[in-house]
Amino acid sequence: MACELCLLEKKTKWYFENNEFVILECDTCKIPMVVWKQHGANPPHEVLYDMQSKAKELFGINITFRMLMRKLPEHFHFHVNLK
């Protein structure tokens, strides 16, 4: 079975994309989600920092992150909790 996050389709709004990650609206929760473009559960610290920094730039410094990957634990992603 192919990884749903590796095969990202543009079904929802995409806020940002670069070579390392994409920030898009989660099609389940309808809140922003940050997805690492590489398949794996442990991105380098500098990539994680860039992901969180870009999310704060887009949605404000008072956001929080839900780092629990329940549905797809083998592909790193996290949700952005807007306040």
N, C-alpha and C. Protein backbone atom coordinates (compact mmCIF):
# COMPACT_ATOMS: atom_id res chain seq x y z
N MET A 1 0.84 -1.18 0.00
CA MET A 1 0.00 0.00 0.00
C MET A 1 0.89 1.25 0.00
N ALA A 2 0.58 2.17 -0.86
CA ALA A 2 1.36 3.40 -0.98
C ALA A 2 1.04 4.35 0.17
N CYS A 3 2.03 5.14 0.57
CA CYS A 3 1.86 6.10 1.65
C CYS A 3 1.07 7.31 1.15
N GLU A 4 -0.01 7.59 1.80
CA GLU A 4 -0.89 8.71 1.45
C GLU A 4 -0.16 10.06 1.48
N LEU A 5 0.77 10.23 2.41
CA LEU A 5 1.48 11.50 2.51
C LEU A 5 2.61 11.62 1.48
N CYS A 6 3.12 10.51 1.00
CA CYS A 6 4.11 10.56 -0.08
C CYS A 6 3.44 10.93 -1.41
N LEU A 7 2.18 10.57 -1.53
CA LEU A 7 1.44 10.80 -2.77
C LEU A 7 0.49 11.99 -2.65
N LEU A 8 0.88 13.01 -1.92
CA LEU A 8 -0.01 14.15 -1.66
C LEU A 8 -0.68 14.66 -2.92
N GLU A 9 -1.99 14.70 -2.86
CA GLU A 9 -2.78 15.28 -3.94
C GLU A 9 -3.29 16.64 -3.48
N LYS A 10 -3.45 17.55 -4.40
CA LYS A 10 -3.94 18.88 -4.05
C LYS A 10 -5.47 18.86 -3.98
N LYS A 11 -5.96 18.25 -2.90
CA LYS A 11 -7.41 18.18 -2.66
C LYS A 11 -7.90 19.34 -1.81
N THR A 12 -6.99 19.97 -1.09
CA THR A 12 -7.33 21.08 -0.20
C THR A 12 -6.40 22.25 -0.49
N LYS A 13 -6.56 23.31 0.28
CA LYS A 13 -5.71 24.49 0.11
C LYS A 13 -4.28 24.18 0.52
N TRP A 14 -3.31 24.63 -0.28
CA TRP A 14 -1.90 24.54 0.05
C TRP A 14 -1.43 25.94 0.37
N TYR A 15 -0.84 26.11 1.55
CA TYR A 15 -0.37 27.41 2.01
C TYR A 15 1.08 27.69 1.61
N PHE A 16 1.89 26.62 1.54
CA PHE A 16 3.32 26.79 1.29
C PHE A 16 3.91 25.46 0.84
N GLU A 17 4.91 25.54 -0.02
CA GLU A 17 5.64 24.34 -0.43
C GLU A 17 7.07 24.72 -0.79
N ASN A 18 8.02 23.89 -0.35
CA ASN A 18 9.40 24.01 -0.79
C ASN A 18 9.94 22.60 -1.02
N ASN A 19 11.24 22.45 -1.13
CA ASN A 19 11.83 21.13 -1.40
C ASN A 19 11.75 20.17 -0.23
N GLU A 20 11.58 20.68 1.00
CA GLU A 20 11.60 19.86 2.20
C GLU A 20 10.22 19.49 2.75
N PHE A 21 9.27 20.42 2.65
CA PHE A 21 7.96 20.18 3.27
C PHE A 21 6.87 20.99 2.58
N VAL A 22 5.64 20.65 2.92
CA VAL A 22 4.47 21.36 2.42
C VAL A 22 3.55 21.65 3.60
N ILE A 23 2.89 22.80 3.55
CA ILE A 23 1.89 23.15 4.56
C ILE A 23 0.56 23.25 3.83
N LEU A 24 -0.39 22.44 4.23
CA LEU A 24 -1.67 22.36 3.56
C LEU A 24 -2.79 22.20 4.57
N GLU A 25 -4.01 22.34 4.09
CA GLU A 25 -5.17 22.10 4.95
C GLU A 25 -5.42 20.59 5.01
N CYS A 26 -5.49 20.05 6.21
CA CYS A 26 -5.76 18.63 6.41
C CYS A 26 -7.18 18.33 5.90
N ASP A 27 -7.30 17.32 5.06
CA ASP A 27 -8.62 17.01 4.50
C ASP A 27 -9.54 16.34 5.51
N THR A 28 -9.01 15.90 6.64
CA THR A 28 -9.83 15.31 7.69
C THR A 28 -10.24 16.35 8.73
N CYS A 29 -9.27 17.10 9.25
CA CYS A 29 -9.51 18.05 10.36
C CYS A 29 -9.86 19.46 9.90
N LYS A 30 -9.50 19.78 8.67
CA LYS A 30 -9.73 21.13 8.12
C LYS A 30 -8.89 22.20 8.82
N ILE A 31 -7.74 21.80 9.38
CA ILE A 31 -6.79 22.75 9.96
C ILE A 31 -5.45 22.57 9.25
N PRO A 32 -4.56 23.55 9.34
CA PRO A 32 -3.27 23.41 8.67
C PRO A 32 -2.46 22.22 9.20
N MET A 33 -1.76 21.59 8.27
CA MET A 33 -0.92 20.44 8.58
C MET A 33 0.39 20.62 7.83
N VAL A 34 1.48 20.27 8.48
CA VAL A 34 2.80 20.36 7.89
C VAL A 34 3.29 18.94 7.61
N VAL A 35 3.71 18.69 6.37
CA VAL A 35 4.11 17.34 5.96
C VAL A 35 5.54 17.38 5.41
N TRP A 36 6.40 16.57 5.99
CA TRP A 36 7.76 16.40 5.49
C TRP A 36 7.67 15.65 4.17
N LYS A 37 8.40 16.06 3.17
CA LYS A 37 8.30 15.43 1.85
C LYS A 37 9.01 14.08 1.77
N GLN A 38 9.91 13.79 2.69
CA GLN A 38 10.56 12.49 2.69
C GLN A 38 9.77 11.51 3.52
N HIS A 39 9.73 10.27 3.10
CA HIS A 39 9.05 9.24 3.89
C HIS A 39 9.96 8.84 5.04
N GLY A 40 9.45 8.99 6.24
CA GLY A 40 10.20 8.64 7.44
C GLY A 40 9.60 9.37 8.62
N ALA A 41 9.98 8.97 9.80
CA ALA A 41 9.37 9.53 11.02
C ALA A 41 10.25 10.53 11.75
N ASN A 42 11.49 10.73 11.32
CA ASN A 42 12.42 11.58 12.06
C ASN A 42 13.16 12.55 11.16
N PRO A 43 12.57 13.71 10.88
CA PRO A 43 13.29 14.68 10.06
C PRO A 43 14.46 15.27 10.84
N PRO A 44 15.46 15.78 10.14
CA PRO A 44 16.57 16.46 10.83
C PRO A 44 16.04 17.66 11.63
N HIS A 45 16.73 17.98 12.71
CA HIS A 45 16.30 19.08 13.58
C HIS A 45 16.15 20.40 12.83
N GLU A 46 17.06 20.67 11.89
CA GLU A 46 16.98 21.93 11.15
C GLU A 46 15.74 21.99 10.26
N VAL A 47 15.31 20.84 9.74
CA VAL A 47 14.08 20.81 8.92
C VAL A 47 12.87 21.02 9.82
N LEU A 48 12.84 20.38 10.97
CA LEU A 48 11.74 20.59 11.92
C LEU A 48 11.66 22.05 12.34
N TYR A 49 12.80 22.66 12.61
CA TYR A 49 12.83 24.08 12.96
C TYR A 49 12.26 24.93 11.83
N ASP A 50 12.66 24.64 10.59
CA ASP A 50 12.14 25.38 9.44
C ASP A 50 10.64 25.20 9.28
N MET A 51 10.15 24.00 9.52
CA MET A 51 8.71 23.72 9.42
C MET A 51 7.94 24.58 10.42
N GLN A 52 8.38 24.54 11.67
CA GLN A 52 7.69 25.29 12.72
C GLN A 52 7.81 26.80 12.50
N SER A 53 8.96 27.25 12.05
CA SER A 53 9.15 28.69 11.79
C SER A 53 8.24 29.17 10.67
N LYS A 54 8.13 28.40 9.61
CA LYS A 54 7.27 28.80 8.50
C LYS A 54 5.80 28.80 8.93
N ALA A 55 5.40 27.82 9.72
CA ALA A 55 4.01 27.79 10.22
C ALA A 55 3.72 29.02 11.07
N LYS A 56 4.67 29.42 11.91
CA LYS A 56 4.49 30.62 12.73
C LYS A 56 4.44 31.88 11.88
N GLU A 57 5.23 31.91 10.82
CA GLU A 57 5.21 33.05 9.91
C GLU A 57 3.84 33.16 9.22
N LEU A 58 3.27 32.03 8.85
CA LEU A 58 1.99 32.02 8.14
C LEU A 58 0.78 32.25 9.06
N PHE A 59 0.82 31.67 10.27
CA PHE A 59 -0.38 31.63 11.12
C PHE A 59 -0.24 32.37 12.44
N GLY A 60 0.93 32.96 12.71
CA GLY A 60 1.12 33.72 13.94
C GLY A 60 1.94 32.98 14.98
N ILE A 61 2.55 33.75 15.86
CA ILE A 61 3.47 33.15 16.84
C ILE A 61 2.75 32.46 17.99
N ASN A 62 1.45 32.66 18.13
CA ASN A 62 0.71 32.05 19.25
C ASN A 62 0.13 30.68 18.93
N ILE A 63 0.48 30.12 17.79
CA ILE A 63 -0.02 28.80 17.44
C ILE A 63 0.71 27.74 18.26
N THR A 64 0.13 26.56 18.33
CA THR A 64 0.79 25.41 18.94
C THR A 64 0.77 24.28 17.92
N PHE A 65 1.53 23.24 18.20
CA PHE A 65 1.65 22.13 17.28
C PHE A 65 1.20 20.84 17.93
N ARG A 66 0.42 20.06 17.22
CA ARG A 66 0.02 18.73 17.68
C ARG A 66 0.91 17.73 16.94
N MET A 67 1.90 17.24 17.65
CA MET A 67 2.93 16.40 17.04
C MET A 67 2.59 14.91 17.02
N LEU A 68 1.45 14.52 17.52
CA LEU A 68 1.05 13.11 17.57
C LEU A 68 0.60 12.66 16.18
N MET A 69 1.28 11.68 15.65
CA MET A 69 0.96 11.17 14.31
C MET A 69 0.17 9.87 14.47
N ARG A 70 -1.12 10.00 14.64
CA ARG A 70 -1.95 8.82 14.92
C ARG A 70 -2.22 7.97 13.68
N LYS A 71 -2.69 8.59 12.63
CA LYS A 71 -3.14 7.85 11.46
C LYS A 71 -1.99 7.31 10.61
N LEU A 72 -0.94 8.11 10.46
CA LEU A 72 0.20 7.73 9.61
C LEU A 72 1.52 7.95 10.35
N PRO A 73 1.82 7.13 11.35
CA PRO A 73 3.00 7.34 12.18
C PRO A 73 4.33 7.13 11.45
N GLU A 74 4.31 6.49 10.30
CA GLU A 74 5.56 6.22 9.58
C GLU A 74 6.01 7.37 8.68
N HIS A 75 5.18 8.41 8.56
CA HIS A 75 5.54 9.58 7.72
C HIS A 75 5.34 10.84 8.56
N PHE A 76 6.44 11.56 8.83
CA PHE A 76 6.39 12.70 9.73
C PHE A 76 5.47 13.81 9.22
N HIS A 77 4.59 14.25 10.11
CA HIS A 77 3.70 15.37 9.85
C HIS A 77 3.18 15.87 11.20
N PHE A 78 2.68 17.08 11.21
CA PHE A 78 2.04 17.57 12.43
C PHE A 78 0.97 18.60 12.07
N HIS A 79 0.02 18.77 12.98
CA HIS A 79 -1.07 19.71 12.79
C HIS A 79 -0.78 21.02 13.51
N VAL A 80 -1.31 22.10 12.98
CA VAL A 80 -1.13 23.43 13.55
C VAL A 80 -2.43 23.81 14.24
N ASN A 81 -2.35 24.01 15.55
CA ASN A 81 -3.53 24.42 16.31
C ASN A 81 -3.57 25.96 16.31
N LEU A 82 -4.57 26.48 15.66
CA LEU A 82 -4.74 27.93 15.59
C LEU A 82 -5.46 28.41 16.83
N LYS A 83 -5.07 29.57 17.34
CA LYS A 83 -5.72 30.11 18.54
C LYS A 83 -6.47 31.36 18.20
